[in-house]
Amino acid sequence: MFVYVVAWGSAAEDGWIKAVHTIDVPLTMRTAKAAAPWIADAHDHRKLTERMSRAWLAFAHTGDPHEPVNPPWPPFTSAHRHTMIFDIEPYVAEDPFGDSVVFPA
């Protein structure tokens, strides 16, 4: 299993939107123009869109989301809760939310 969090925040509505639920959909599907009200005209989303969409494509093709444009992305396990944090520069954190998030075994 692979887990990710979108930490990038949209500048839309003077920054009020931030990383709302489903903001990952236009970023992974390369449809940011269609989501223009939420994405705004932020130039920084383009690099993030490339990184996220390539990870999704890699996962669809191989079952592993790692792509050279992103840092190595180890799987999430009960022993190692690796989570990809997608921001302008993505990174992997282990257990970024501690016990506040419970995943089924």
C-alpha atoms as a PDB file:
ATOM      1  CA  MET A   1       0.000   0.000   0.000  1.00  0.00           C
ATOM      2  CA  PHE A   2       1.220   3.507  -0.769  1.00  0.00           C
ATOM      3  CA  VAL A   3      -0.002   6.578   1.101  1.00  0.00           C
ATOM      4  CA  TYR A   4       0.271  10.216   0.126  1.00  0.00           C
ATOM      5  CA  VAL A   5      -0.796  13.634   1.357  1.00  0.00           C
ATOM      6  CA  VAL A   6      -1.161  16.775  -0.721  1.00  0.00           C
ATOM      7  CA  ALA A   7       0.500  19.552   1.252  1.00  0.00           C
ATOM      8  CA  TRP A   8       0.589  22.052  -1.630  1.00  0.00           C
ATOM      9  CA  GLY A   9      -1.900  24.819  -1.056  1.00  0.00           C
ATOM     10  CA  SER A  10      -3.755  26.604  -3.813  1.00  0.00           C
ATOM     11  CA  ALA A  11      -3.528  30.387  -3.867  1.00  0.00           C
ATOM     12  CA  ALA A  12      -7.160  30.602  -5.023  1.00  0.00           C
ATOM     13  CA  GLU A  13      -9.481  32.805  -2.993  1.00  0.00           C
ATOM     14  CA  ASP A  14      -6.477  34.602  -1.487  1.00  0.00           C
ATOM     15  CA  GLY A  15      -5.086  31.337  -0.146  1.00  0.00           C
ATOM     16  CA  TRP A  16      -8.294  30.321   1.605  1.00  0.00           C
ATOM     17  CA  ILE A  17      -8.691  27.161  -0.523  1.00  0.00           C
ATOM     18  CA  LYS A  18      -5.319  25.562   0.364  1.00  0.00           C
ATOM     19  CA  ALA A  19      -5.306  21.748  -0.096  1.00  0.00           C
ATOM     20  CA  VAL A  20      -9.015  20.981  -0.070  1.00  0.00           C
ATOM     21  CA  HIS A  21     -10.523  17.524  -0.433  1.00  0.00           C
ATOM     22  CA  THR A  22     -10.168  16.260  -4.042  1.00  0.00           C
ATOM     23  CA  ILE A  23      -7.513  18.849  -4.991  1.00  0.00           C
ATOM     24  CA  ASP A  24      -5.393  15.829  -5.963  1.00  0.00           C
ATOM     25  CA  VAL A  25      -7.760  14.828  -8.787  1.00  0.00           C
ATOM     26  CA  PRO A  26      -6.919  17.641 -11.237  1.00  0.00           C
ATOM     27  CA  LEU A  27      -3.259  17.393 -10.225  1.00  0.00           C
ATOM     28  CA  THR A  28      -3.012  13.664 -10.933  1.00  0.00           C
ATOM     29  CA  MET A  29      -5.216  13.684 -14.032  1.00  0.00           C
ATOM     30  CA  ARG A  30      -3.543  16.732 -15.595  1.00  0.00           C
ATOM     31  CA  THR A  31      -6.821  18.627 -15.708  1.00  0.00           C
ATOM     32  CA  ALA A  32      -5.748  21.645 -13.685  1.00  0.00           C
ATOM     33  CA  LYS A  33      -7.120  24.033 -16.307  1.00  0.00           C
ATOM     34  CA  ALA A  34     -10.589  22.552 -15.785  1.00  0.00           C
ATOM     35  CA  ALA A  35     -10.201  23.130 -12.050  1.00  0.00           C
ATOM     36  CA  ALA A  36      -8.996  26.701 -12.570  1.00  0.00           C
ATOM     37  CA  PRO A  37     -11.153  28.214  -9.795  1.00  0.00           C
ATOM     38  CA  TRP A  38      -9.490  25.942  -7.217  1.00  0.00           C
ATOM     39  CA  ILE A  39      -6.036  25.746  -8.691  1.00  0.00           C
ATOM     40  CA  ALA A  40      -6.006  29.431  -9.612  1.00  0.00           C
ATOM     41  CA  ASP A  41      -3.397  30.445 -12.142  1.00  0.00           C
ATOM     42  CA  ALA A  42      -0.610  29.191  -9.960  1.00  0.00           C
ATOM     43  CA  HIS A  43       2.472  28.404 -11.975  1.00  0.00           C
ATOM     44  CA  ASP A  44       3.842  26.246  -9.195  1.00  0.00           C
ATOM     45  CA  HIS A  45       1.156  23.599  -9.713  1.00  0.00           C
ATOM     46  CA  ARG A  46       2.657  22.547 -13.065  1.00  0.00           C
ATOM     47  CA  LYS A  47       5.688  20.829 -11.541  1.00  0.00           C
ATOM     48  CA  LEU A  48       3.499  19.203  -8.902  1.00  0.00           C
ATOM     49  CA  THR A  49       1.042  18.033 -11.574  1.00  0.00           C
ATOM     50  CA  GLU A  50       3.891  16.410 -13.484  1.00  0.00           C
ATOM     51  CA  ARG A  51       5.187  14.649 -10.377  1.00  0.00           C
ATOM     52  CA  MET A  52       1.794  13.413  -9.190  1.00  0.00           C
ATOM     53  CA  SER A  53       0.522  12.267 -12.575  1.00  0.00           C
ATOM     54  CA  ARG A  54       3.729  10.359 -13.289  1.00  0.00           C
ATOM     55  CA  ALA A  55       3.445   8.603  -9.914  1.00  0.00           C
ATOM     56  CA  TRP A  56      -0.153   7.581 -10.659  1.00  0.00           C
ATOM     57  CA  LEU A  57       0.792   6.325 -14.122  1.00  0.00           C
ATOM     58  CA  ALA A  58       3.721   4.344 -12.741  1.00  0.00           C
ATOM     59  CA  PHE A  59       1.462   2.789 -10.108  1.00  0.00           C
ATOM     60  CA  ALA A  60      -1.151   1.888 -12.740  1.00  0.00           C
ATOM     61  CA  HIS A  61       1.489   0.238 -14.934  1.00  0.00           C
ATOM     62  CA  THR A  62       3.652  -1.496 -12.344  1.00  0.00           C
ATOM     63  CA  GLY A  63       1.992  -1.363  -8.922  1.00  0.00           C
ATOM     64  CA  ASP A  64       4.833   0.882  -7.730  1.00  0.00           C
ATOM     65  CA  PRO A  65       4.404   4.684  -7.867  1.00  0.00           C
ATOM     66  CA  HIS A  66       8.114   5.491  -7.832  1.00  0.00           C
ATOM     67  CA  GLU A  67       9.215   7.653 -10.751  1.00  0.00           C
ATOM     68  CA  PRO A  68      12.640   9.280 -11.177  1.00  0.00           C
ATOM     69  CA  VAL A  69      11.057  12.760 -10.870  1.00  0.00           C
ATOM     70  CA  ASN A  70      10.105  11.948  -7.275  1.00  0.00           C
ATOM     71  CA  PRO A  71      12.099  10.779  -4.268  1.00  0.00           C
ATOM     72  CA  PRO A  72      12.061   7.024  -3.586  1.00  0.00           C
ATOM     73  CA  TRP A  73       8.632   6.064  -2.231  1.00  0.00           C
ATOM     74  CA  PRO A  74       8.701   2.993   0.016  1.00  0.00           C
ATOM     75  CA  PRO A  75       5.428   1.204   0.719  1.00  0.00           C
ATOM     76  CA  PHE A  76       3.382   1.946   3.808  1.00  0.00           C
ATOM     77  CA  THR A  77       3.457  -0.927   6.297  1.00  0.00           C
ATOM     78  CA  SER A  78       2.454  -1.328   9.920  1.00  0.00           C
ATOM     79  CA  ALA A  79       6.157  -1.226  10.827  1.00  0.00           C
ATOM     80  CA  HIS A  80       7.072   1.722   8.570  1.00  0.00           C
ATOM     81  CA  ARG A  81       4.336   4.252   7.854  1.00  0.00           C
ATOM     82  CA  HIS A  82       6.039   5.888   4.858  1.00  0.00           C
ATOM     83  CA  THR A  83       3.948   8.713   3.396  1.00  0.00           C
ATOM     84  CA  MET A  84       4.725  10.761   0.294  1.00  0.00           C
ATOM     85  CA  ILE A  85       4.128  14.423   1.007  1.00  0.00           C
ATOM     86  CA  PHE A  86       3.313  16.106  -2.298  1.00  0.00           C
ATOM     87  CA  ASP A  87       4.302  19.753  -2.214  1.00  0.00           C
ATOM     88  CA  ILE A  88       6.362  21.888  -4.592  1.00  0.00           C
ATOM     89  CA  GLU A  89       9.270  19.632  -3.606  1.00  0.00           C
ATOM     90  CA  PRO A  90       7.832  16.258  -2.552  1.00  0.00           C
ATOM     91  CA  TYR A  91       9.401  14.210   0.206  1.00  0.00           C
ATOM     92  CA  VAL A  92       8.733  11.013   2.126  1.00  0.00           C
ATOM     93  CA  ALA A  93       7.991  11.188   5.830  1.00  0.00           C
ATOM     94  CA  GLU A  94       7.609   8.256   8.176  1.00  0.00           C
ATOM     95  CA  ASP A  95       4.451   8.444  10.247  1.00  0.00           C
ATOM     96  CA  PRO A  96       3.858  12.190   9.711  1.00  0.00           C
ATOM     97  CA  PHE A  97       0.617  12.198  11.718  1.00  0.00           C
ATOM     98  CA  GLY A  98       1.501   9.744  14.473  1.00  0.00           C
ATOM     99  CA  ASP A  99      -1.409   8.132  16.255  1.00  0.00           C
ATOM    100  CA  SER A 100      -3.879  10.736  14.973  1.00  0.00           C
ATOM    101  CA  VAL A 101      -4.417   8.611  11.842  1.00  0.00           C
ATOM    102  CA  VAL A 102      -5.357   4.950  12.100  1.00  0.00           C
ATOM    103  CA  PHE A 103      -5.109   2.729   9.034  1.00  0.00           C
ATOM    104  CA  PRO A 104      -6.700  -0.703   8.961  1.00  0.00           C
ATOM    105  CA  ALA A 105      -4.295  -3.599   9.236  1.00  0.00           C
END
